[in-house]
Amino acid sequence: MASEKTIERKLRQGVEDLGGMCIKLLSILFKGLPDRLILLPGARVCFVETKSTGDTQSPMQKHITKRLRALGFDVYVVDTEEKLKKLLTLWSSSPTITKNML
């Protein structure tokens, strides 16, 4: 079982290893934003919500995720190190992010 902090730290390191940026979003004035904005080489942009293993998004987070996806953004919810590994592998092997591959 992985903590949110552990997953978030490994996400940040993995994105940096790919030459990208993993920006922490502080949603003081806008509730429900995902935890991280991911910027990858090739102008790839997506959002990642990190959770401890087994945790789920709040209703507000689900609402914002749905809105972001409706705008065309990819939003991933990662609650295990296995899901994180799959996501990092996807990003390293694909020049563009493909929706809903996780």
PDB file of N, CA and C in Angstrom:
ATOM      1  N   MET A   1       0.854  -1.184   0.000  1.00  0.00           N
ATOM      2  CA  MET A   1       0.000   0.000   0.000  1.00  0.00           C
ATOM      3  C   MET A   1       0.896   1.242   0.000  1.00  0.00           C
ATOM      4  N   ALA A   2       0.680   2.103  -0.964  1.00  0.00           N
ATOM      5  CA  ALA A   2       1.505   3.305  -1.098  1.00  0.00           C
ATOM      6  C   ALA A   2       0.745   4.534  -0.616  1.00  0.00           C
ATOM      7  N   SER A   3       1.463   5.415   0.043  1.00  0.00           N
ATOM      8  CA  SER A   3       0.849   6.665   0.494  1.00  0.00           C
ATOM      9  C   SER A   3       0.792   7.654  -0.672  1.00  0.00           C
ATOM     10  N   GLU A   4      -0.079   8.628  -0.554  1.00  0.00           N
ATOM     11  CA  GLU A   4      -0.180   9.672  -1.575  1.00  0.00           C
ATOM     12  C   GLU A   4       1.146  10.412  -1.721  1.00  0.00           C
ATOM     13  N   LYS A   5       1.790  10.672  -0.610  1.00  0.00           N
ATOM     14  CA  LYS A   5       3.068  11.382  -0.627  1.00  0.00           C
ATOM     15  C   LYS A   5       4.126  10.598  -1.414  1.00  0.00           C
ATOM     16  N   THR A   6       4.170   9.280  -1.209  1.00  0.00           N
ATOM     17  CA  THR A   6       5.129   8.432  -1.920  1.00  0.00           C
ATOM     18  C   THR A   6       4.855   8.440  -3.414  1.00  0.00           C
ATOM     19  N   ILE A   7       3.597   8.273  -3.792  1.00  0.00           N
ATOM     20  CA  ILE A   7       3.230   8.266  -5.209  1.00  0.00           C
ATOM     21  C   ILE A   7       3.545   9.614  -5.844  1.00  0.00           C
ATOM     22  N   GLU A   8       3.227  10.693  -5.142  1.00  0.00           N
ATOM     23  CA  GLU A   8       3.477  12.025  -5.678  1.00  0.00           C
ATOM     24  C   GLU A   8       4.984  12.270  -5.859  1.00  0.00           C
ATOM     25  N   ARG A   9       5.781  11.833  -4.921  1.00  0.00           N
ATOM     26  CA  ARG A   9       7.238  12.003  -5.028  1.00  0.00           C
ATOM     27  C   ARG A   9       7.795  11.219  -6.222  1.00  0.00           C
ATOM     28  N   LYS A  10       7.342   9.981  -6.388  1.00  0.00           N
ATOM     29  CA  LYS A  10       7.805   9.156  -7.506  1.00  0.00           C
ATOM     30  C   LYS A  10       7.292   9.696  -8.843  1.00  0.00           C
ATOM     31  N   LEU A  11       6.088  10.255  -8.848  1.00  0.00           N
ATOM     32  CA  LEU A  11       5.567  10.894 -10.056  1.00  0.00           C
ATOM     33  C   LEU A  11       6.459  12.058 -10.453  1.00  0.00           C
ATOM     34  N   ARG A  12       6.762  12.918  -9.502  1.00  0.00           N
ATOM     35  CA  ARG A  12       7.605  14.087  -9.772  1.00  0.00           C
ATOM     36  C   ARG A  12       8.956  13.661 -10.328  1.00  0.00           C
ATOM     37  N   GLN A  13       9.580  12.683  -9.708  1.00  0.00           N
ATOM     38  CA  GLN A  13      10.888  12.220 -10.167  1.00  0.00           C
ATOM     39  C   GLN A  13      10.798  11.594 -11.557  1.00  0.00           C
ATOM     40  N   GLY A  14       9.764  10.795 -11.783  1.00  0.00           N
ATOM     41  CA  GLY A  14       9.593  10.145 -13.085  1.00  0.00           C
ATOM     42  C   GLY A  14       9.380  11.151 -14.209  1.00  0.00           C
ATOM     43  N   VAL A  15       8.585  12.161 -13.947  1.00  0.00           N
ATOM     44  CA  VAL A  15       8.340  13.203 -14.958  1.00  0.00           C
ATOM     45  C   VAL A  15       9.626  13.976 -15.235  1.00  0.00           C
ATOM     46  N   GLU A  16      10.354  14.317 -14.191  1.00  0.00           N
ATOM     47  CA  GLU A  16      11.627  15.024 -14.373  1.00  0.00           C
ATOM     48  C   GLU A  16      12.614  14.168 -15.157  1.00  0.00           C
ATOM     49  N   ASP A  17      12.628  12.856 -14.918  1.00  0.00           N
ATOM     50  CA  ASP A  17      13.504  11.948 -15.656  1.00  0.00           C
ATOM     51  C   ASP A  17      13.156  11.930 -17.146  1.00  0.00           C
ATOM     52  N   LEU A  18      11.902  12.202 -17.480  1.00  0.00           N
ATOM     53  CA  LEU A  18      11.468  12.261 -18.875  1.00  0.00           C
ATOM     54  C   LEU A  18      11.707  13.639 -19.494  1.00  0.00           C
ATOM     55  N   GLY A  19      12.279  14.551 -18.717  1.00  0.00           N
ATOM     56  CA  GLY A  19      12.560  15.892 -19.225  1.00  0.00           C
ATOM     57  C   GLY A  19      11.387  16.842 -19.082  1.00  0.00           C
ATOM     58  N   GLY A  20      10.415  16.465 -18.271  1.00  0.00           N
ATOM     59  CA  GLY A  20       9.216  17.281 -18.106  1.00  0.00           C
ATOM     60  C   GLY A  20       9.190  18.032 -16.784  1.00  0.00           C
ATOM     61  N   MET A  21       8.063  18.672 -16.570  1.00  0.00           N
ATOM     62  CA  MET A  21       7.827  19.414 -15.332  1.00  0.00           C
ATOM     63  C   MET A  21       6.572  18.853 -14.669  1.00  0.00           C
ATOM     64  N   CYS A  22       6.622  18.750 -13.350  1.00  0.00           N
ATOM     65  CA  CYS A  22       5.508  18.222 -12.558  1.00  0.00           C
ATOM     66  C   CYS A  22       5.145  19.300 -11.541  1.00  0.00           C
ATOM     67  N   ILE A  23       4.179  20.118 -11.891  1.00  0.00           N
ATOM     68  CA  ILE A  23       3.854  21.317 -11.122  1.00  0.00           C
ATOM     69  C   ILE A  23       2.739  21.032 -10.126  1.00  0.00           C
ATOM     70  N   LYS A  24       3.002  21.321  -8.864  1.00  0.00           N
ATOM     71  CA  LYS A  24       1.991  21.151  -7.809  1.00  0.00           C
ATOM     72  C   LYS A  24       0.963  22.264  -7.916  1.00  0.00           C
ATOM     73  N   LEU A  25      -0.302  21.878  -8.004  1.00  0.00           N
ATOM     74  CA  LEU A  25      -1.387  22.850  -8.071  1.00  0.00           C
ATOM     75  C   LEU A  25      -1.965  23.054  -6.682  1.00  0.00           C
ATOM     76  N   LEU A  26      -1.939  24.281  -6.222  1.00  0.00           N
ATOM     77  CA  LEU A  26      -2.502  24.623  -4.923  1.00  0.00           C
ATOM     78  C   LEU A  26      -3.865  25.257  -5.169  1.00  0.00           C
ATOM     79  N   SER A  27      -4.891  24.506  -4.873  1.00  0.00           N
ATOM     80  CA  SER A  27      -6.244  24.937  -5.231  1.00  0.00           C
ATOM     81  C   SER A  27      -6.947  25.635  -4.072  1.00  0.00           C
ATOM     82  N   ILE A  28      -6.340  26.698  -3.589  1.00  0.00           N
ATOM     83  CA  ILE A  28      -6.930  27.446  -2.482  1.00  0.00           C
ATOM     84  C   ILE A  28      -8.239  28.113  -2.905  1.00  0.00           C
ATOM     85  N   LEU A  29      -8.250  28.682  -4.099  1.00  0.00           N
ATOM     86  CA  LEU A  29      -9.428  29.407  -4.577  1.00  0.00           C
ATOM     87  C   LEU A  29     -10.282  28.612  -5.563  1.00  0.00           C
ATOM     88  N   PHE A  30      -9.798  27.439  -5.948  1.00  0.00           N
ATOM     89  CA  PHE A  30     -10.523  26.621  -6.922  1.00  0.00           C
ATOM     90  C   PHE A  30     -10.488  25.181  -6.440  1.00  0.00           C
ATOM     91  N   LYS A  31     -11.499  24.773  -5.732  1.00  0.00           N
ATOM     92  CA  LYS A  31     -11.545  23.446  -5.130  1.00  0.00           C
ATOM     93  C   LYS A  31     -11.709  22.349  -6.180  1.00  0.00           C
ATOM     94  N   GLY A  32     -11.057  21.235  -5.939  1.00  0.00           N
ATOM     95  CA  GLY A  32     -11.232  20.059  -6.774  1.00  0.00           C
ATOM     96  C   GLY A  32     -10.210  19.878  -7.877  1.00  0.00           C
ATOM     97  N   LEU A  33      -9.261  20.824  -8.023  1.00  0.00           N
ATOM     98  CA  LEU A  33      -8.232  20.664  -9.047  1.00  0.00           C
ATOM     99  C   LEU A  33      -7.380  19.433  -8.755  1.00  0.00           C
ATOM    100  N   PRO A  34      -6.903  18.756  -9.805  1.00  0.00           N
ATOM    101  CA  PRO A  34      -5.967  17.653  -9.572  1.00  0.00           C
ATOM    102  C   PRO A  34      -4.701  18.161  -8.880  1.00  0.00           C
ATOM    103  N   ASP A  35      -3.952  17.240  -8.299  1.00  0.00           N
ATOM    104  CA  ASP A  35      -2.752  17.597  -7.537  1.00  0.00           C
ATOM    105  C   ASP A  35      -1.638  18.170  -8.400  1.00  0.00           C
ATOM    106  N   ARG A  36      -1.469  17.632  -9.609  1.00  0.00           N
ATOM    107  CA  ARG A  36      -0.315  17.987 -10.426  1.00  0.00           C
ATOM    108  C   ARG A  36      -0.694  18.313 -11.868  1.00  0.00           C
ATOM    109  N   LEU A  37      -0.027  19.320 -12.382  1.00  0.00           N
ATOM    110  CA  LEU A  37      -0.061  19.671 -13.805  1.00  0.00           C
ATOM    111  C   LEU A  37       1.223  19.106 -14.393  1.00  0.00           C
ATOM    112  N   ILE A  38       1.104  18.264 -15.408  1.00  0.00           N
ATOM    113  CA  ILE A  38       2.249  17.618 -16.018  1.00  0.00           C
ATOM    114  C   ILE A  38       2.513  18.249 -17.380  1.00  0.00           C
ATOM    115  N   LEU A  39       3.753  18.722 -17.572  1.00  0.00           N
ATOM    116  CA  LEU A  39       4.185  19.298 -18.845  1.00  0.00           C
ATOM    117  C   LEU A  39       5.332  18.448 -19.356  1.00  0.00           C
ATOM    118  N   LEU A  40       5.128  17.822 -20.525  1.00  0.00           N
ATOM    119  CA  LEU A  40       6.123  16.913 -21.078  1.00  0.00           C
ATOM    120  C   LEU A  40       6.650  17.434 -22.411  1.00  0.00           C
ATOM    121  N   PRO A  41       7.845  16.988 -22.795  1.00  0.00           N
ATOM    122  CA  PRO A  41       8.368  17.395 -24.100  1.00  0.00           C
ATOM    123  C   PRO A  41       7.356  17.124 -25.209  1.00  0.00           C
ATOM    124  N   GLY A  42       7.379  17.974 -26.218  1.00  0.00           N
ATOM    125  CA  GLY A  42       6.422  17.839 -27.313  1.00  0.00           C
ATOM    126  C   GLY A  42       5.113  18.540 -27.025  1.00  0.00           C
ATOM    127  N   ALA A  43       5.131  19.454 -26.076  1.00  0.00           N
ATOM    128  CA  ALA A  43       3.945  20.243 -25.713  1.00  0.00           C
ATOM    129  C   ALA A  43       2.794  19.370 -25.214  1.00  0.00           C
ATOM    130  N   ARG A  44       3.130  18.285 -24.540  1.00  0.00           N
ATOM    131  CA  ARG A  44       2.102  17.410 -23.969  1.00  0.00           C
ATOM    132  C   ARG A  44       1.739  17.913 -22.575  1.00  0.00           C
ATOM    133  N   VAL A  45       0.442  18.020 -22.331  1.00  0.00           N
ATOM    134  CA  VAL A  45      -0.071  18.556 -21.064  1.00  0.00           C
ATOM    135  C   VAL A  45      -1.152  17.617 -20.540  1.00  0.00           C
ATOM    136  N   CYS A  46      -1.090  17.318 -19.251  1.00  0.00           N
ATOM    137  CA  CYS A  46      -2.171  16.561 -18.628  1.00  0.00           C
ATOM    138  C   CYS A  46      -2.174  16.860 -17.132  1.00  0.00           C
ATOM    139  N   PHE A  47      -3.160  16.323 -16.460  1.00  0.00           N
ATOM    140  CA  PHE A  47      -3.303  16.492 -15.020  1.00  0.00           C
ATOM    141  C   PHE A  47      -3.253  15.125 -14.358  1.00  0.00           C
ATOM    142  N   VAL A  48      -2.715  15.087 -13.131  1.00  0.00           N
ATOM    143  CA  VAL A  48      -2.682  13.842 -12.362  1.00  0.00           C
ATOM    144  C   VAL A  48      -3.167  14.123 -10.945  1.00  0.00           C
ATOM    145  N   GLU A  49      -4.117  13.328 -10.517  1.00  0.00           N
ATOM    146  CA  GLU A  49      -4.585  13.330  -9.135  1.00  0.00           C
ATOM    147  C   GLU A  49      -3.954  12.124  -8.461  1.00  0.00           C
ATOM    148  N   THR A  50      -3.173  12.353  -7.415  1.00  0.00           N
ATOM    149  CA  THR A  50      -2.567  11.248  -6.685  1.00  0.00           C
ATOM    150  C   THR A  50      -3.401  10.944  -5.443  1.00  0.00           C
ATOM    151  N   LYS A  51      -3.486   9.663  -5.143  1.00  0.00           N
ATOM    152  CA  LYS A  51      -4.241   9.186  -3.983  1.00  0.00           C
ATOM    153  C   LYS A  51      -3.464   8.079  -3.302  1.00  0.00           C
ATOM    154  N   SER A  52      -3.690   7.905  -2.020  1.00  0.00           N
ATOM    155  CA  SER A  52      -3.169   6.721  -1.337  1.00  0.00           C
ATOM    156  C   SER A  52      -3.887   5.510  -1.908  1.00  0.00           C
ATOM    157  N   THR A  53      -3.237   4.368  -1.859  1.00  0.00           N
ATOM    158  CA  THR A  53      -3.834   3.147  -2.402  1.00  0.00           C
ATOM    159  C   THR A  53      -5.221   2.930  -1.804  1.00  0.00           C
ATOM    160  N   GLY A  54      -6.197   2.768  -2.699  1.00  0.00           N
ATOM    161  CA  GLY A  54      -7.568   2.506  -2.274  1.00  0.00           C
ATOM    162  C   GLY A  54      -8.424   3.738  -2.077  1.00  0.00           C
ATOM    163  N   ASP A  55      -7.824   4.912  -1.967  1.00  0.00           N
ATOM    164  CA  ASP A  55      -8.610   6.141  -1.809  1.00  0.00           C
ATOM    165  C   ASP A  55      -9.251   6.519  -3.139  1.00  0.00           C
ATOM    166  N   THR A  56     -10.355   7.250  -3.070  1.00  0.00           N
ATOM    167  CA  THR A  56     -11.055   7.689  -4.272  1.00  0.00           C
ATOM    168  C   THR A  56     -11.201   9.205  -4.268  1.00  0.00           C
ATOM    169  N   GLN A  57     -11.554   9.740  -5.417  1.00  0.00           N
ATOM    170  CA  GLN A  57     -11.756  11.174  -5.535  1.00  0.00           C
ATOM    171  C   GLN A  57     -13.025  11.599  -4.797  1.00  0.00           C
ATOM    172  N   SER A  58     -13.010  12.828  -4.295  1.00  0.00           N
ATOM    173  CA  SER A  58     -14.200  13.405  -3.691  1.00  0.00           C
ATOM    174  C   SER A  58     -15.192  13.742  -4.807  1.00  0.00           C
ATOM    175  N   PRO A  59     -16.462  13.955  -4.473  1.00  0.00           N
ATOM    176  CA  PRO A  59     -17.427  14.356  -5.498  1.00  0.00           C
ATOM    177  C   PRO A  59     -16.987  15.609  -6.265  1.00  0.00           C
ATOM    178  N   MET A  60     -16.400  16.590  -5.580  1.00  0.00           N
ATOM    179  CA  MET A  60     -15.938  17.803  -6.259  1.00  0.00           C
ATOM    180  C   MET A  60     -14.786  17.483  -7.209  1.00  0.00           C
ATOM    181  N   GLN A  61     -13.860  16.641  -6.778  1.00  0.00           N
ATOM    182  CA  GLN A  61     -12.750  16.250  -7.647  1.00  0.00           C
ATOM    183  C   GLN A  61     -13.257  15.511  -8.884  1.00  0.00           C
ATOM    184  N   LYS A  62     -14.239  14.646  -8.715  1.00  0.00           N
ATOM    185  CA  LYS A  62     -14.829  13.935  -9.859  1.00  0.00           C
ATOM    186  C   LYS A  62     -15.475  14.922 -10.826  1.00  0.00           C
ATOM    187  N   HIS A  63     -16.147  15.922 -10.288  1.00  0.00           N
ATOM    188  CA  HIS A  63     -16.791  16.941 -11.119  1.00  0.00           C
ATOM    189  C   HIS A  63     -15.751  17.714 -11.931  1.00  0.00           C
ATOM    190  N   ILE A  64     -14.679  18.149 -11.293  1.00  0.00           N
ATOM    191  CA  ILE A  64     -13.637  18.906 -11.977  1.00  0.00           C
ATOM    192  C   ILE A  64     -12.914  18.022 -12.998  1.00  0.00           C
ATOM    193  N   THR A  65     -12.667  16.768 -12.656  1.00  0.00           N
ATOM    194  CA  THR A  65     -12.056  15.835 -13.608  1.00  0.00           C
ATOM    195  C   THR A  65     -12.922  15.724 -14.858  1.00  0.00           C
ATOM    196  N   LYS A  66     -14.214  15.592 -14.664  1.00  0.00           N
ATOM    197  CA  LYS A  66     -15.135  15.488 -15.800  1.00  0.00           C
ATOM    198  C   LYS A  66     -15.097  16.754 -16.654  1.00  0.00           C
ATOM    199  N   ARG A  67     -15.050  17.916 -16.026  1.00  0.00           N
ATOM    200  CA  ARG A  67     -14.994  19.186 -16.765  1.00  0.00           C
ATOM    201  C   ARG A  67     -13.690  19.323 -17.551  1.00  0.00           C
ATOM    202  N   LEU A  68     -12.570  18.951 -16.917  1.00  0.00           N
ATOM    203  CA  LEU A  68     -11.279  19.028 -17.603  1.00  0.00           C
ATOM    204  C   LEU A  68     -11.240  18.088 -18.805  1.00  0.00           C
ATOM    205  N   ARG A  69     -11.761  16.891 -18.639  1.00  0.00           N
ATOM    206  CA  ARG A  69     -11.811  15.941 -19.761  1.00  0.00           C
ATOM    207  C   ARG A  69     -12.717  16.458 -20.874  1.00  0.00           C
ATOM    208  N   ALA A  70     -13.817  17.104 -20.504  1.00  0.00           N
ATOM    209  CA  ALA A  70     -14.718  17.675 -21.515  1.00  0.00           C
ATOM    210  C   ALA A  70     -14.024  18.779 -22.320  1.00  0.00           C
ATOM    211  N   LEU A  71     -13.047  19.435 -21.706  1.00  0.00           N
ATOM    212  CA  LEU A  71     -12.262  20.462 -22.399  1.00  0.00           C
ATOM    213  C   LEU A  71     -11.150  19.848 -23.251  1.00  0.00           C
ATOM    214  N   GLY A  72     -11.000  18.544 -23.183  1.00  0.00           N
ATOM    215  CA  GLY A  72     -10.005  17.858 -23.999  1.00  0.00           C
ATOM    216  C   GLY A  72      -8.713  17.499 -23.292  1.00  0.00           C
ATOM    217  N   PHE A  73      -8.626  17.758 -21.989  1.00  0.00           N
ATOM    218  CA  PHE A  73      -7.420  17.425 -21.241  1.00  0.00           C
ATOM    219  C   PHE A  73      -7.474  15.981 -20.764  1.00  0.00           C
ATOM    220  N   ASP A  74      -6.316  15.357 -20.699  1.00  0.00           N
ATOM    221  CA  ASP A  74      -6.209  14.043 -20.080  1.00  0.00           C
ATOM    222  C   ASP A  74      -6.028  14.239 -18.587  1.00  0.00           C
ATOM    223  N   VAL A  75      -6.786  13.478 -17.809  1.00  0.00           N
ATOM    224  CA  VAL A  75      -6.688  13.524 -16.347  1.00  0.00           C
ATOM    225  C   VAL A  75      -6.560  12.085 -15.873  1.00  0.00           C
ATOM    226  N   TYR A  76      -5.524  11.833 -15.103  1.00  0.00           N
ATOM    227  CA  TYR A  76      -5.261  10.496 -14.591  1.00  0.00           C
ATOM    228  C   TYR A  76      -5.362  10.506 -13.067  1.00  0.00           C
ATOM    229  N   VAL A  77      -5.943   9.443 -12.516  1.00  0.00           N
ATOM    230  CA  VAL A  77      -5.984   9.248 -11.068  1.00  0.00           C
ATOM    231  C   VAL A  77      -5.075   8.071 -10.770  1.00  0.00           C
ATOM    232  N   VAL A  78      -4.044   8.314  -9.972  1.00  0.00           N
ATOM    233  CA  VAL A  78      -3.029   7.296  -9.697  1.00  0.00           C
ATOM    234  C   VAL A  78      -3.023   7.011  -8.198  1.00  0.00           C
ATOM    235  N   ASP A  79      -3.330   5.753  -7.847  1.00  0.00           N
ATOM    236  CA  ASP A  79      -3.356   5.383  -6.431  1.00  0.00           C
ATOM    237  C   ASP A  79      -2.469   4.185  -6.101  1.00  0.00           C
ATOM    238  N   THR A  80      -1.719   3.711  -7.091  1.00  0.00           N
ATOM    239  CA  THR A  80      -0.779   2.622  -6.832  1.00  0.00           C
ATOM    240  C   THR A  80       0.518   2.880  -7.602  1.00  0.00           C
ATOM    241  N   GLU A  81       1.583   2.292  -7.115  1.00  0.00           N
ATOM    242  CA  GLU A  81       2.862   2.420  -7.817  1.00  0.00           C
ATOM    243  C   GLU A  81       2.805   1.710  -9.170  1.00  0.00           C
ATOM    244  N   GLU A  82       1.997   0.665  -9.281  1.00  0.00           N
ATOM    245  CA  GLU A  82       1.831  -0.049 -10.551  1.00  0.00           C
ATOM    246  C   GLU A  82       1.191   0.870 -11.599  1.00  0.00           C
ATOM    247  N   LYS A  83       0.139   1.590 -11.220  1.00  0.00           N
ATOM    248  CA  LYS A  83      -0.497   2.536 -12.154  1.00  0.00           C
ATOM    249  C   LYS A  83       0.478   3.641 -12.545  1.00  0.00           C
ATOM    250  N   LEU A  84       1.261   4.097 -11.581  1.00  0.00           N
ATOM    251  CA  LEU A  84       2.243   5.135 -11.879  1.00  0.00           C
ATOM    252  C   LEU A  84       3.270   4.627 -12.880  1.00  0.00           C
ATOM    253  N   LYS A  85       3.749   3.418 -12.680  1.00  0.00           N
ATOM    254  CA  LYS A  85       4.736   2.838 -13.595  1.00  0.00           C
ATOM    255  C   LYS A  85       4.158   2.736 -15.003  1.00  0.00           C
ATOM    256  N   LYS A  86       2.905   2.295 -15.129  1.00  0.00           N
ATOM    257  CA  LYS A  86       2.253   2.202 -16.441  1.00  0.00           C
ATOM    258  C   LYS A  86       2.145   3.575 -17.096  1.00  0.00           C
ATOM    259  N   LEU A  87       1.805   4.578 -16.312  1.00  0.00           N
ATOM    260  CA  LEU A  87       1.654   5.931 -16.847  1.00  0.00           C
ATOM    261  C   LEU A  87       2.999   6.475 -17.326  1.00  0.00           C
ATOM    262  N   LEU A  88       4.048   6.292 -16.535  1.00  0.00           N
ATOM    263  CA  LEU A  88       5.379   6.759 -16.933  1.00  0.00           C
ATOM    264  C   LEU A  88       5.869   6.016 -18.174  1.00  0.00           C
ATOM    265  N   THR A  89       5.563   4.723 -18.265  1.00  0.00           N
ATOM    266  CA  THR A  89       5.926   3.946 -19.457  1.00  0.00           C
ATOM    267  C   THR A  89       5.179   4.464 -20.675  1.00  0.00           C
ATOM    268  N   LEU A  90       3.913   4.766 -20.514  1.00  0.00           N
ATOM    269  CA  LEU A  90       3.112   5.334 -21.604  1.00  0.00           C
ATOM    270  C   LEU A  90       3.727   6.628 -22.093  1.00  0.00           C
ATOM    271  N   TRP A  91       4.040   7.505 -21.159  1.00  0.00           N
ATOM    272  CA  TRP A  91       4.605   8.802 -21.536  1.00  0.00           C
ATOM    273  C   TRP A  91       5.959   8.659 -22.201  1.00  0.00           C
ATOM    274  N   SER A  92       6.774   7.704 -21.762  1.00  0.00           N
ATOM    275  CA  SER A  92       8.119   7.556 -22.327  1.00  0.00           C
ATOM    276  C   SER A  92       8.089   6.898 -23.701  1.00  0.00           C
ATOM    277  N   SER A  93       7.027   6.165 -24.010  1.00  0.00           N
ATOM    278  CA  SER A  93       6.975   5.427 -25.276  1.00  0.00           C
ATOM    279  C   SER A  93       6.093   6.076 -26.332  1.00  0.00           C
ATOM    280  N   SER A  94       5.393   7.138 -25.963  1.00  0.00           N
ATOM    281  CA  SER A  94       4.443   7.748 -26.888  1.00  0.00           C
ATOM    282  C   SER A  94       4.750   9.227 -27.070  1.00  0.00           C
ATOM    283  N   PRO A  95       4.804   9.679 -28.319  1.00  0.00           N
ATOM    284  CA  PRO A  95       5.043  11.097 -28.556  1.00  0.00           C
ATOM    285  C   PRO A  95       3.856  11.974 -28.161  1.00  0.00           C
ATOM    286  N   THR A  96       2.697  11.353 -28.043  1.00  0.00           N
ATOM    287  CA  THR A  96       1.514  12.088 -27.587  1.00  0.00           C
ATOM    288  C   THR A  96       0.797  11.240 -26.544  1.00  0.00           C
ATOM    289  N   ILE A  97       0.081  11.912 -25.685  1.00  0.00           N
ATOM    290  CA  ILE A  97      -0.682  11.209 -24.656  1.00  0.00           C
ATOM    291  C   ILE A  97      -1.975  10.715 -25.280  1.00  0.00           C
ATOM    292  N   THR A  98      -2.307   9.465 -25.050  1.00  0.00           N
ATOM    293  CA  THR A  98      -3.524   8.887 -25.572  1.00  0.00           C
ATOM    294  C   THR A  98      -4.527   8.771 -24.444  1.00  0.00           C
ATOM    295  N   LYS A  99      -5.713   9.279 -24.668  1.00  0.00           N
ATOM    296  CA  LYS A  99      -6.732   9.325 -23.626  1.00  0.00           C
ATOM    297  C   LYS A  99      -7.091   7.932 -23.113  1.00  0.00           C
ATOM    298  N   ASN A 100      -7.272   7.883 -21.819  1.00  0.00           N
ATOM    299  CA  ASN A 100      -7.816   6.716 -21.136  1.00  0.00           C
ATOM    300  C   ASN A 100      -7.064   5.422 -21.395  1.00  0.00           C
ATOM    301  N   MET A 101      -5.745   5.482 -21.484  1.00  0.00           N
ATOM    302  CA  MET A 101      -4.968   4.259 -21.661  1.00  0.00           C
ATOM    303  C   MET A 101      -4.698   3.575 -20.328  1.00  0.00           C
ATOM    304  N   LEU A 102      -5.031   4.243 -19.224  1.00  0.00           N
ATOM    305  CA  LEU A 102      -4.869   3.607 -17.916  1.00  0.00           C
ATOM    306  C   LEU A 102      -6.208   3.170 -17.402  1.00  0.00           C
TER     307      LEU A 102
END
